[in-house]
PDB file of N, CA and C in Angstrom:
ATOM      1  N   GLU A   1      -6.022 -10.034   1.164  1.00  0.00           N
ATOM      2  CA  GLU A   1      -7.104 -10.468   0.474  1.00  0.00           C
ATOM      3  C   GLU A   1      -6.270 -11.867  -0.115  1.00  0.00           C
ATOM      4  N   LEU A   2      -5.252 -11.366  -1.332  1.00  0.00           N
ATOM      5  CA  LEU A   2      -4.279 -12.254  -1.995  1.00  0.00           C
ATOM      6  C   LEU A   2      -4.134 -13.034  -0.791  1.00  0.00           C
ATOM      7  N   GLU A   3      -3.568 -13.112   0.333  1.00  0.00           N
ATOM      8  CA  GLU A   3      -2.937 -14.559   0.814  1.00  0.00           C
ATOM      9  C   GLU A   3      -4.471 -14.984   1.660  1.00  0.00           C
ATOM     10  N   ASN A   4      -5.290 -14.798   1.754  1.00  0.00           N
ATOM     11  CA  ASN A   4      -6.738 -15.143   2.063  1.00  0.00           C
ATOM     12  C   ASN A   4      -6.895 -15.993   0.945  1.00  0.00           C
ATOM     13  N   GLN A   5      -6.969 -15.712  -0.080  1.00  0.00           N
ATOM     14  CA  GLN A   5      -7.065 -16.196  -1.086  1.00  0.00           C
ATOM     15  C   GLN A   5      -6.472 -17.254  -1.574  1.00  0.00           C
ATOM     16  N   LEU A   6      -5.290 -17.011  -1.403  1.00  0.00           N
ATOM     17  CA  LEU A   6      -4.215 -18.173  -2.082  1.00  0.00           C
ATOM     18  C   LEU A   6      -4.563 -19.429  -0.543  1.00  0.00           C
ATOM     19  N   ALA A   7      -4.402 -18.773   1.064  1.00  0.00           N
ATOM     20  CA  ALA A   7      -4.508 -20.097   1.135  1.00  0.00           C
ATOM     21  C   ALA A   7      -6.483 -21.243   0.915  1.00  0.00           C
ATOM     22  N   ALA A   8      -7.735 -20.400   1.229  1.00  0.00           N
ATOM     23  CA  ALA A   8      -8.413 -20.903  -0.044  1.00  0.00           C
ATOM     24  C   ALA A   8      -8.045 -22.051  -1.156  1.00  0.00           C
ATOM     25  N   LYS A   9      -7.376 -21.766  -1.775  1.00  0.00           N
ATOM     26  CA  LYS A   9      -7.258 -22.208  -3.159  1.00  0.00           C
ATOM     27  C   LYS A   9      -5.845 -23.316  -3.218  1.00  0.00           C
ATOM     28  N   SER A  10      -5.307 -23.218  -1.990  1.00  0.00           N
ATOM     29  CA  SER A  10      -4.207 -24.499  -0.995  1.00  0.00           C
ATOM     30  C   SER A  10      -4.954 -25.340  -0.629  1.00  0.00           C
ATOM     31  N   ASN A  11      -6.161 -24.702   0.282  1.00  0.00           N
ATOM     32  CA  ASN A  11      -6.642 -25.926   0.429  1.00  0.00           C
ATOM     33  C   ASN A  11      -7.760 -26.746  -0.209  1.00  0.00           C
ATOM     34  N   LEU A  12      -8.338 -25.954  -1.320  1.00  0.00           N
ATOM     35  CA  LEU A  12      -9.076 -27.003  -2.345  1.00  0.00           C
ATOM     36  C   LEU A  12      -7.962 -27.539  -2.820  1.00  0.00           C
ATOM     37  N   LEU A  13      -6.861 -27.287  -3.358  1.00  0.00           N
ATOM     38  CA  LEU A  13      -5.170 -28.149  -3.897  1.00  0.00           C
ATOM     39  C   LEU A  13      -5.230 -29.153  -3.356  1.00  0.00           C
ATOM     40  N   ASP A  14      -4.907 -29.118  -1.762  1.00  0.00           N
ATOM     41  CA  ASP A  14      -4.510 -30.183  -0.925  1.00  0.00           C
ATOM     42  C   ASP A  14      -5.862 -31.019  -0.882  1.00  0.00           C
ATOM     43  N   GLU A  15      -7.325 -31.008  -0.838  1.00  0.00           N
ATOM     44  CA  GLU A  15      -8.319 -31.761  -1.189  1.00  0.00           C
ATOM     45  C   GLU A  15      -8.365 -32.904  -2.292  1.00  0.00           C
ATOM     46  N   LEU A  16      -8.044 -31.655  -3.460  1.00  0.00           N
ATOM     47  CA  LEU A  16      -7.979 -32.369  -4.614  1.00  0.00           C
ATOM     48  C   LEU A  16      -6.568 -33.631  -4.866  1.00  0.00           C
ATOM     49  N   LYS A  17      -5.505 -33.286  -3.569  1.00  0.00           N
ATOM     50  CA  LYS A  17      -3.932 -34.407  -4.106  1.00  0.00           C
ATOM     51  C   LYS A  17      -4.434 -34.972  -3.840  1.00  0.00           C
ATOM     52  N   GLN A  18      -5.043 -34.999  -2.115  1.00  0.00           N
ATOM     53  CA  GLN A  18      -5.900 -35.742  -1.398  1.00  0.00           C
ATOM     54  C   GLN A  18      -6.548 -37.449  -2.419  1.00  0.00           C
ATOM     55  N   SER A  19      -7.575 -36.596  -2.585  1.00  0.00           N
ATOM     56  CA  SER A  19      -8.921 -37.100  -3.799  1.00  0.00           C
ATOM     57  C   SER A  19      -7.840 -38.281  -4.610  1.00  0.00           C
ATOM     58  N   VAL A  20      -6.735 -37.212  -5.626  1.00  0.00           N
ATOM     59  CA  VAL A  20      -6.081 -37.947  -6.529  1.00  0.00           C
ATOM     60  C   VAL A  20      -5.264 -38.584  -6.229  1.00  0.00           C
ATOM     61  N   ALA A  21      -5.072 -38.974  -4.635  1.00  0.00           N
ATOM     62  CA  ALA A  21      -3.460 -40.035  -4.566  1.00  0.00           C
ATOM     63  C   ALA A  21      -4.602 -41.153  -3.655  1.00  0.00           C
ATOM     64  N   LEU A  22      -5.487 -40.996  -3.436  1.00  0.00           N
ATOM     65  CA  LEU A  22      -6.713 -42.072  -3.637  1.00  0.00           C
ATOM     66  C   LEU A  22      -7.208 -42.846  -4.406  1.00  0.00           C
ATOM     67  N   LYS A  23      -7.891 -42.129  -5.654  1.00  0.00           N
ATOM     68  CA  LYS A  23      -8.301 -42.606  -6.889  1.00  0.00           C
ATOM     69  C   LYS A  23      -6.531 -43.534  -7.795  1.00  0.00           C
ATOM     70  N   ASP A  24      -5.466 -42.914  -7.667  1.00  0.00           N
ATOM     71  CA  ASP A  24      -4.345 -43.591  -8.122  1.00  0.00           C
ATOM     72  C   ASP A  24      -3.722 -44.792  -7.562  1.00  0.00           C
ATOM     73  N   GLY A  25      -4.127 -44.526  -6.069  1.00  0.00           N
ATOM     74  CA  GLY A  25      -3.319 -45.950  -5.388  1.00  0.00           C
ATOM     75  C   GLY A  25      -1.806 -45.855  -4.938  1.00  0.00           C
ATOM     76  N   PRO A  26      -1.069 -46.174  -3.938  1.00  0.00           N
ATOM     77  CA  PRO A  26       0.152 -45.995  -4.264  1.00  0.00           C
ATOM     78  C   PRO A  26       1.036 -47.136  -4.542  1.00  0.00           C
ATOM     79  N   GLU A  27       0.238 -48.336  -5.226  1.00  0.00           N
ATOM     80  CA  GLU A  27       0.649 -49.256  -6.200  1.00  0.00           C
ATOM     81  C   GLU A  27       1.183 -49.118  -7.493  1.00  0.00           C
ATOM     82  N   GLN A  28       0.380 -47.663  -8.287  1.00  0.00           N
ATOM     83  CA  GLN A  28       0.574 -46.911  -9.330  1.00  0.00           C
ATOM     84  C   GLN A  28       1.292 -46.053  -9.638  1.00  0.00           C
ATOM     85  N   THR A  29       1.841 -45.832 -10.762  1.00  0.00           N
ATOM     86  CA  THR A  29       1.959 -44.827 -11.568  1.00  0.00           C
ATOM     87  C   THR A  29       1.404 -43.485 -11.565  1.00  0.00           C
ATOM     88  N   PRO A  30       2.146 -42.244 -11.365  1.00  0.00           N
ATOM     89  CA  PRO A  30       1.827 -41.545 -11.167  1.00  0.00           C
ATOM     90  C   PRO A  30       0.694 -40.598 -12.127  1.00  0.00           C
ATOM     91  N   GLY A  31      -0.495 -40.852 -12.582  1.00  0.00           N
ATOM     92  CA  GLY A  31      -1.577 -40.539 -13.724  1.00  0.00           C
ATOM     93  C   GLY A  31      -1.196 -38.944 -13.833  1.00  0.00           C
ATOM     94  N   ALA A  32      -1.791 -38.736 -15.024  1.00  0.00           N
ATOM     95  CA  ALA A  32      -1.686 -37.521 -15.111  1.00  0.00           C
ATOM     96  C   ALA A  32      -2.572 -36.193 -14.747  1.00  0.00           C
ATOM     97  N   ALA A  33      -3.573 -36.444 -13.932  1.00  0.00           N
ATOM     98  CA  ALA A  33      -4.219 -36.071 -13.347  1.00  0.00           C
ATOM     99  C   ALA A  33      -3.291 -35.686 -11.406  1.00  0.00           C
ATOM    100  N   SER A  34      -2.226 -36.768 -11.347  1.00  0.00           N
ATOM    101  CA  SER A  34      -1.269 -36.391  -9.826  1.00  0.00           C
ATOM    102  C   SER A  34       0.109 -35.284 -10.786  1.00  0.00           C
ATOM    103  N   LEU A  35       0.368 -35.887 -11.931  1.00  0.00           N
ATOM    104  CA  LEU A  35       1.177 -34.176 -12.637  1.00  0.00           C
ATOM    105  C   LEU A  35       0.666 -33.332 -12.525  1.00  0.00           C
ATOM    106  N   GLN A  36      -0.228 -32.703 -12.963  1.00  0.00           N
ATOM    107  CA  GLN A  36      -1.097 -31.425 -12.883  1.00  0.00           C
ATOM    108  C   GLN A  36      -1.230 -31.039 -11.411  1.00  0.00           C
ATOM    109  N   THR A  37      -1.488 -31.605 -10.863  1.00  0.00           N
ATOM    110  CA  THR A  37      -1.580 -31.425  -9.127  1.00  0.00           C
ATOM    111  C   THR A  37      -0.275 -31.102  -8.966  1.00  0.00           C
ATOM    112  N   ALA A  38       0.825 -31.899  -9.008  1.00  0.00           N
ATOM    113  CA  ALA A  38       1.938 -31.172  -8.341  1.00  0.00           C
ATOM    114  C   ALA A  38       2.280 -29.935  -9.366  1.00  0.00           C
ATOM    115  N   GLU A  39       2.248 -30.029 -10.511  1.00  0.00           N
ATOM    116  CA  GLU A  39       2.406 -28.326 -10.956  1.00  0.00           C
ATOM    117  C   GLU A  39       1.656 -27.384 -10.665  1.00  0.00           C
ATOM    118  N   LEU A  40       0.428 -27.906 -10.156  1.00  0.00           N
ATOM    119  CA  LEU A  40      -0.426 -26.910  -9.204  1.00  0.00           C
ATOM    120  C   LEU A  40       0.190 -26.103  -8.362  1.00  0.00           C
ATOM    121  N   CYS A  41       0.703 -27.079  -7.791  1.00  0.00           N
ATOM    122  CA  CYS A  41       1.190 -27.044  -6.225  1.00  0.00           C
ATOM    123  C   CYS A  41       2.857 -25.834  -6.389  1.00  0.00           C
ATOM    124  N   LYS A  42       3.505 -26.498  -7.620  1.00  0.00           N
ATOM    125  CA  LYS A  42       4.685 -25.555  -7.946  1.00  0.00           C
ATOM    126  C   LYS A  42       4.421 -24.364  -7.888  1.00  0.00           C
ATOM    127  N   MET A  43       3.343 -23.945  -8.937  1.00  0.00           N
ATOM    128  CA  MET A  43       2.263 -22.672  -9.148  1.00  0.00           C
ATOM    129  C   MET A  43       2.223 -22.001  -8.046  1.00  0.00           C
ATOM    130  N   ARG A  44       1.699 -22.928  -7.063  1.00  0.00           N
ATOM    131  CA  ARG A  44       1.169 -22.208  -5.556  1.00  0.00           C
ATOM    132  C   ARG A  44       2.242 -21.404  -5.263  1.00  0.00           C
ATOM    133  N   ASP A  45       3.171 -22.484  -4.910  1.00  0.00           N
ATOM    134  CA  ASP A  45       4.515 -22.113  -4.034  1.00  0.00           C
ATOM    135  C   ASP A  45       5.061 -20.437  -5.133  1.00  0.00           C
ATOM    136  N   SER A  46       5.208 -20.619  -6.342  1.00  0.00           N
ATOM    137  CA  SER A  46       5.824 -19.372  -6.705  1.00  0.00           C
ATOM    138  C   SER A  46       4.188 -18.420  -6.546  1.00  0.00           C
ATOM    139  N   VAL A  47       3.469 -18.597  -6.621  1.00  0.00           N
ATOM    140  CA  VAL A  47       2.664 -17.789  -6.234  1.00  0.00           C
ATOM    141  C   VAL A  47       2.963 -16.947  -5.059  1.00  0.00           C
ATOM    142  N   ALA A  48       2.588 -17.762  -4.063  1.00  0.00           N
ATOM    143  CA  ALA A  48       2.666 -17.571  -2.657  1.00  0.00           C
ATOM    144  C   ALA A  48       3.828 -16.560  -2.682  1.00  0.00           C
ATOM    145  N   SER A  49       5.537 -17.090  -3.223  1.00  0.00           N
ATOM    146  CA  SER A  49       6.886 -16.545  -2.980  1.00  0.00           C
ATOM    147  C   SER A  49       5.984 -14.957  -3.922  1.00  0.00           C
ATOM    148  N   GLN A  50       5.716 -14.734  -4.829  1.00  0.00           N
ATOM    149  CA  GLN A  50       5.275 -13.631  -5.453  1.00  0.00           C
ATOM    150  C   GLN A  50       4.494 -12.155  -3.888  1.00  0.00           C
ATOM    151  N   ILE A  51       3.314 -12.810  -3.850  1.00  0.00           N
ATOM    152  CA  ILE A  51       3.056 -12.484  -2.714  1.00  0.00           C
ATOM    153  C   ILE A  51       3.465 -11.742  -1.880  1.00  0.00           C
ATOM    154  N   GLY A  52       4.663 -12.974  -1.005  1.00  0.00           N
ATOM    155  CA  GLY A  52       5.669 -12.067   0.175  1.00  0.00           C
ATOM    156  C   GLY A  52       6.002 -10.539  -0.963  1.00  0.00           C
ATOM    157  N   GLN A  53       6.782 -11.580  -1.686  1.00  0.00           N
ATOM    158  CA  GLN A  53       7.627 -10.278  -2.105  1.00  0.00           C
ATOM    159  C   GLN A  53       6.977  -8.863  -2.160  1.00  0.00           C
ATOM    160  N   LEU A  54       5.319  -8.934  -2.616  1.00  0.00           N
ATOM    161  CA  LEU A  54       4.815  -8.032  -3.211  1.00  0.00           C
ATOM    162  C   LEU A  54       4.446  -7.303  -1.810  1.00  0.00           C
ATOM    163  N   ARG A  55       4.198  -8.159  -0.449  1.00  0.00           N
ATOM    164  CA  ARG A  55       3.963  -7.464   0.627  1.00  0.00           C
ATOM    165  C   ARG A  55       5.233  -6.930   1.260  1.00  0.00           C
ATOM    166  N   THR A  56       6.270  -7.060   0.993  1.00  0.00           N
ATOM    167  CA  THR A  56       7.721  -6.389   1.461  1.00  0.00           C
ATOM    168  C   THR A  56       8.152  -5.192   0.389  1.00  0.00           C
ATOM    169  N   SER A  57       6.945  -5.319  -0.672  1.00  0.00           N
ATOM    170  CA  SER A  57       7.227  -4.386  -1.529  1.00  0.00           C
ATOM    171  C   SER A  57       6.361  -2.596  -1.271  1.00  0.00           C
ATOM    172  N   MET A  58       5.221  -3.052  -0.926  1.00  0.00           N
ATOM    173  CA  MET A  58       4.454  -2.132  -0.096  1.00  0.00           C
ATOM    174  C   MET A  58       4.630  -2.006   1.321  1.00  0.00           C
ATOM    175  N   GLN A  59       5.165  -2.475   1.747  1.00  0.00           N
ATOM    176  CA  GLN A  59       5.257  -1.856   2.855  1.00  0.00           C
ATOM    177  C   GLN A  59       6.303  -1.049   3.048  1.00  0.00           C
ATOM    178  N   ALA A  60       7.143  -1.176   2.094  1.00  0.00           N
ATOM    179  CA  ALA A  60       8.417  -0.488   1.455  1.00  0.00           C
ATOM    180  C   ALA A  60       7.683   0.999   1.198  1.00  0.00           C
ATOM    181  N   ILE A  61       6.920   0.837   0.086  1.00  0.00           N
ATOM    182  CA  ILE A  61       5.823   1.983  -0.461  1.00  0.00           C
ATOM    183  C   ILE A  61       5.328   2.633   0.726  1.00  0.00           C
ATOM    184  N   LEU A  62       4.934   2.002   1.324  1.00  0.00           N
ATOM    185  CA  LEU A  62       3.788   2.371   2.728  1.00  0.00           C
ATOM    186  C   LEU A  62       4.696   4.025   3.520  1.00  0.00           C
ATOM    187  N   GLN A  63       5.527   2.872   3.791  1.00  0.00           N
ATOM    188  CA  GLN A  63       7.005   3.730   4.907  1.00  0.00           C
ATOM    189  C   GLN A  63       7.426   4.962   3.599  1.00  0.00           C
ATOM    190  N   HIS A  64       7.183   4.857   2.610  1.00  0.00           N
ATOM    191  CA  HIS A  64       8.517   6.175   1.653  1.00  0.00           C
ATOM    192  C   HIS A  64       6.795   6.784   1.880  1.00  0.00           C
ATOM    193  N   TRP A  65       5.323   7.202   1.654  1.00  0.00           N
ATOM    194  CA  TRP A  65       4.508   7.606   1.917  1.00  0.00           C
ATOM    195  C   TRP A  65       4.224   8.716   3.260  1.00  0.00           C
ATOM    196  N   LYS A  66       4.826   6.995   4.034  1.00  0.00           N
ATOM    197  CA  LYS A  66       4.777   8.425   5.240  1.00  0.00           C
ATOM    198  C   LYS A  66       5.341   9.458   5.407  1.00  0.00           C
ATOM    199  N   LEU A  67       6.643   8.849   5.263  1.00  0.00           N
ATOM    200  CA  LEU A  67       7.822   9.944   5.176  1.00  0.00           C
ATOM    201  C   LEU A  67       7.519  11.203   4.392  1.00  0.00           C
ATOM    202  N   TYR A  68       7.224  11.017   3.405  1.00  0.00           N
ATOM    203  CA  TYR A  68       6.533  11.480   2.490  1.00  0.00           C
ATOM    204  C   TYR A  68       5.331  13.144   3.188  1.00  0.00           C
ATOM    205  N   ASP A  69       4.330  12.414   3.904  1.00  0.00           N
ATOM    206  CA  ASP A  69       3.132  13.090   4.592  1.00  0.00           C
ATOM    207  C   ASP A  69       3.844  13.722   5.561  1.00  0.00           C
ATOM    208  N   GLU A  70       4.643  13.402   6.149  1.00  0.00           N
ATOM    209  CA  GLU A  70       5.446  14.208   7.314  1.00  0.00           C
ATOM    210  C   GLU A  70       6.370  15.057   6.812  1.00  0.00           C
ATOM    211  N   ALA A  71       6.835  15.057   5.289  1.00  0.00           N
ATOM    212  CA  ALA A  71       8.032  16.165   4.989  1.00  0.00           C
ATOM    213  C   ALA A  71       6.661  17.086   4.666  1.00  0.00           C
ATOM    214  N   TYR A  72       5.709  16.806   4.112  1.00  0.00           N
ATOM    215  CA  TYR A  72       4.591  17.596   3.423  1.00  0.00           C
ATOM    216  C   TYR A  72       4.096  18.677   4.337  1.00  0.00           C
ATOM    217  N   GLU A  73       3.211  17.834   5.358  1.00  0.00           N
ATOM    218  CA  GLU A  73       3.242  18.553   6.728  1.00  0.00           C
ATOM    219  C   GLU A  73       4.076  19.360   6.759  1.00  0.00           C
ATOM    220  N   GLU A  74       5.016  19.531   7.458  1.00  0.00           N
ATOM    221  CA  GLU A  74       6.191  20.343   7.995  1.00  0.00           C
ATOM    222  C   GLU A  74       6.119  21.236   6.806  1.00  0.00           C
ATOM    223  N   VAL A  75       6.695  20.992   5.427  1.00  0.00           N
ATOM    224  CA  VAL A  75       6.611  22.098   4.416  1.00  0.00           C
ATOM    225  C   VAL A  75       5.496  22.732   4.379  1.00  0.00           C
ATOM    226  N   SER A  76       4.058  22.345   4.446  1.00  0.00           N
ATOM    227  CA  SER A  76       2.627  23.465   4.311  1.00  0.00           C
ATOM    228  C   SER A  76       3.100  24.048   5.518  1.00  0.00           C
ATOM    229  N   LEU A  77       3.229  23.875   7.344  1.00  0.00           N
ATOM    230  CA  LEU A  77       3.133  24.460   8.743  1.00  0.00           C
ATOM    231  C   LEU A  77       4.661  25.802   7.626  1.00  0.00           C
ATOM    232  N   MET A  78       5.563  25.625   7.108  1.00  0.00           N
ATOM    233  CA  MET A  78       6.892  26.454   6.562  1.00  0.00           C
ATOM    234  C   MET A  78       6.062  27.708   6.042  1.00  0.00           C
ATOM    235  N   ILE A  79       6.011  26.964   5.343  1.00  0.00           N
ATOM    236  CA  ILE A  79       5.089  28.245   3.845  1.00  0.00           C
ATOM    237  C   ILE A  79       3.961  28.673   4.378  1.00  0.00           C
ATOM    238  N   THR A  80       2.839  28.398   5.834  1.00  0.00           N
ATOM    239  CA  THR A  80       1.637  29.389   6.221  1.00  0.00           C
ATOM    240  C   THR A  80       2.526  30.532   6.886  1.00  0.00           C
ATOM    241  N   ARG A  81       4.064  29.505   8.062  1.00  0.00           N
ATOM    242  CA  ARG A  81       4.317  30.749   8.605  1.00  0.00           C
ATOM    243  C   ARG A  81       5.115  31.658   7.814  1.00  0.00           C
ATOM    244  N   TYR A  82       5.767  31.351   6.510  1.00  0.00           N
ATOM    245  CA  TYR A  82       6.577  32.563   6.032  1.00  0.00           C
ATOM    246  C   TYR A  82       5.479  33.536   5.384  1.00  0.00           C
ATOM    247  N   LEU A  83       4.305  32.777   5.105  1.00  0.00           N
ATOM    248  CA  LEU A  83       3.034  33.862   4.445  1.00  0.00           C
ATOM    249  C   LEU A  83       2.641  34.686   5.883  1.00  0.00           C
ATOM    250  N   TYR A  84       2.561  34.083   6.856  1.00  0.00           N
ATOM    251  CA  TYR A  84       1.727  35.142   8.073  1.00  0.00           C
ATOM    252  C   TYR A  84       3.027  36.168   7.743  1.00  0.00           C
ATOM    253  N   CYS A  85       4.729  35.878   8.081  1.00  0.00           N
ATOM    254  CA  CYS A  85       5.496  37.401   7.761  1.00  0.00           C
ATOM    255  C   CYS A  85       5.580  37.836   7.359  1.00  0.00           C
ATOM    256  N   ILE A  86       5.484  37.462   5.753  1.00  0.00           N
ATOM    257  CA  ILE A  86       5.080  38.281   4.754  1.00  0.00           C
ATOM    258  C   ILE A  86       4.014  39.183   4.893  1.00  0.00           C
ATOM    259  N   ASP A  87       3.208  38.803   5.179  1.00  0.00           N
ATOM    260  CA  ASP A  87       1.655  39.743   5.691  1.00  0.00           C
ATOM    261  C   ASP A  87       2.489  40.927   6.497  1.00  0.00           C
ATOM    262  N   GLN A  88       2.914  40.120   7.556  1.00  0.00           N
ATOM    263  CA  GLN A  88       2.997  40.966   8.597  1.00  0.00           C
ATOM    264  C   GLN A  88       4.267  42.053   8.295  1.00  0.00           C
ATOM    265  N   CYS A  89       5.219  41.832   7.031  1.00  0.00           N
ATOM    266  CA  CYS A  89       6.159  42.392   7.168  1.00  0.00           C
ATOM    267  C   CYS A  89       6.106  43.887   6.100  1.00  0.00           C
ATOM    268  N   LYS A  90       4.599  43.868   5.732  1.00  0.00           N
ATOM    269  CA  LYS A  90       4.544  44.876   4.843  1.00  0.00           C
ATOM    270  C   LYS A  90       5.092  46.375   5.311  1.00  0.00           C
ATOM    271  N   PRO A  91       5.206  47.023   4.406  1.00  0.00           N
ATOM    272  CA  PRO A  91       5.542  48.701   4.823  1.00  0.00           C
ATOM    273  C   PRO A  91       3.977  49.423   5.399  1.00  0.00           C
ATOM    274  N   SER A  92       4.417  50.243   5.894  1.00  0.00           N
ATOM    275  CA  SER A  92       3.381  51.164   6.617  1.00  0.00           C
ATOM    276  C   SER A  92       2.627  51.644   5.670  1.00  0.00           C
ATOM    277  N   VAL A  93       1.089  51.902   5.791  1.00  0.00           N
ATOM    278  CA  VAL A  93       0.357  52.607   4.659  1.00  0.00           C
ATOM    279  C   VAL A  93       0.381  54.139   5.461  1.00  0.00           C
ATOM    280  N   LEU A  94       0.643  55.245   4.384  1.00  0.00           N
ATOM    281  CA  LEU A  94       0.217  56.523   4.405  1.00  0.00           C
ATOM    282  C   LEU A  94      -1.196  56.802   4.480  1.00  0.00           C
ATOM    283  N   SER A  95      -1.957  56.592   3.267  1.00  0.00           N
ATOM    284  CA  SER A  95      -3.181  57.264   2.830  1.00  0.00           C
ATOM    285  C   SER A  95      -4.143  56.496   4.348  1.00  0.00           C
ATOM    286  N   LEU A  96      -5.059  57.802   4.196  1.00  0.00           N
ATOM    287  CA  LEU A  96      -6.440  57.502   5.765  1.00  0.00           C
ATOM    288  C   LEU A  96      -7.089  55.798   5.038  1.00  0.00           C
ATOM    289  N   GLU A  97      -7.992  55.883   3.545  1.00  0.00           N
ATOM    290  CA  GLU A  97      -8.460  54.839   3.060  1.00  0.00           C
ATOM    291  C   GLU A  97      -7.832  53.036   3.437  1.00  0.00           C
ATOM    292  N   ALA A  98      -6.554  53.530   3.229  1.00  0.00           N
ATOM    293  CA  ALA A  98      -5.367  52.623   3.865  1.00  0.00           C
ATOM    294  C   ALA A  98      -5.279  52.491   5.519  1.00  0.00           C
ATOM    295  N   LEU A  99      -5.593  52.975   5.962  1.00  0.00           N
ATOM    296  CA  LEU A  99      -5.416  52.469   7.290  1.00  0.00           C
ATOM    297  C   LEU A  99      -6.562  52.160   7.943  1.00  0.00           C
ATOM    298  N   LYS A 100      -7.415  52.755   7.087  1.00  0.00           N
ATOM    299  CA  LYS A 100      -9.162  52.516   8.046  1.00  0.00           C
ATOM    300  C   LYS A 100      -9.676  50.967   7.781  1.00  0.00           C
ATOM    301  N   ASN A 101      -9.031  50.961   6.618  1.00  0.00           N
ATOM    302  CA  ASN A 101      -9.240  49.003   5.612  1.00  0.00           C
ATOM    303  C   ASN A 101      -8.208  47.817   6.489  1.00  0.00           C
ATOM    304  N   GLN A 102      -6.834  48.858   7.379  1.00  0.00           N
ATOM    305  CA  GLN A 102      -6.298  47.828   7.692  1.00  0.00           C
ATOM    306  C   GLN A 102      -7.187  48.048   9.486  1.00  0.00           C
ATOM    307  N   VAL A 103      -7.724  48.893  10.195  1.00  0.00           N
ATOM    308  CA  VAL A 103      -8.646  48.370  11.004  1.00  0.00           C
ATOM    309  C   VAL A 103      -9.420  47.967  11.226  1.00  0.00           C
ATOM    310  N   LYS A 104     -10.105  47.567   9.692  1.00  0.00           N
ATOM    311  CA  LYS A 104     -11.362  46.790   9.662  1.00  0.00           C
ATOM    312  C   LYS A 104     -11.130  45.290   9.604  1.00  0.00           C
ATOM    313  N   THR A 105      -9.272  45.627   9.272  1.00  0.00           N
ATOM    314  CA  THR A 105      -9.027  44.046   8.892  1.00  0.00           C
ATOM    315  C   THR A 105      -8.766  43.022  10.629  1.00  0.00           C
ATOM    316  N   LEU A 106      -8.149  44.170  11.464  1.00  0.00           N
ATOM    317  CA  LEU A 106      -7.540  43.802  12.186  1.00  0.00           C
ATOM    318  C   LEU A 106      -8.779  43.426  13.221  1.00  0.00           C
ATOM    319  N   GLN A 107      -9.615  44.264  13.012  1.00  0.00           N
ATOM    320  CA  GLN A 107     -11.121  44.108  14.393  1.00  0.00           C
ATOM    321  C   GLN A 107     -11.855  42.979  13.803  1.00  0.00           C
TER     322      GLN A 107
END
């Protein structure tokens, strides 16, 4: 979205530069408007560079999140398996009531 906005503003800036160039003419010294558009062009280039750096940084962060999600899923699965094993490894119960409850659970 930032890149789209920058492209739109760049088009406006190019149109402004052309308009100022037509008003000043080639034989005149650069006016205040020409100097301001040159400064705006420098700022636009700086913003474009910052957006490029931001894109690179965001891609790296996205890759780290993907790795985190994969590791989280793996750990979650391991915990589920562990809990299942713990549940299955409970010592056998001796009371009749506990056996009835276990039968109900298994049914």
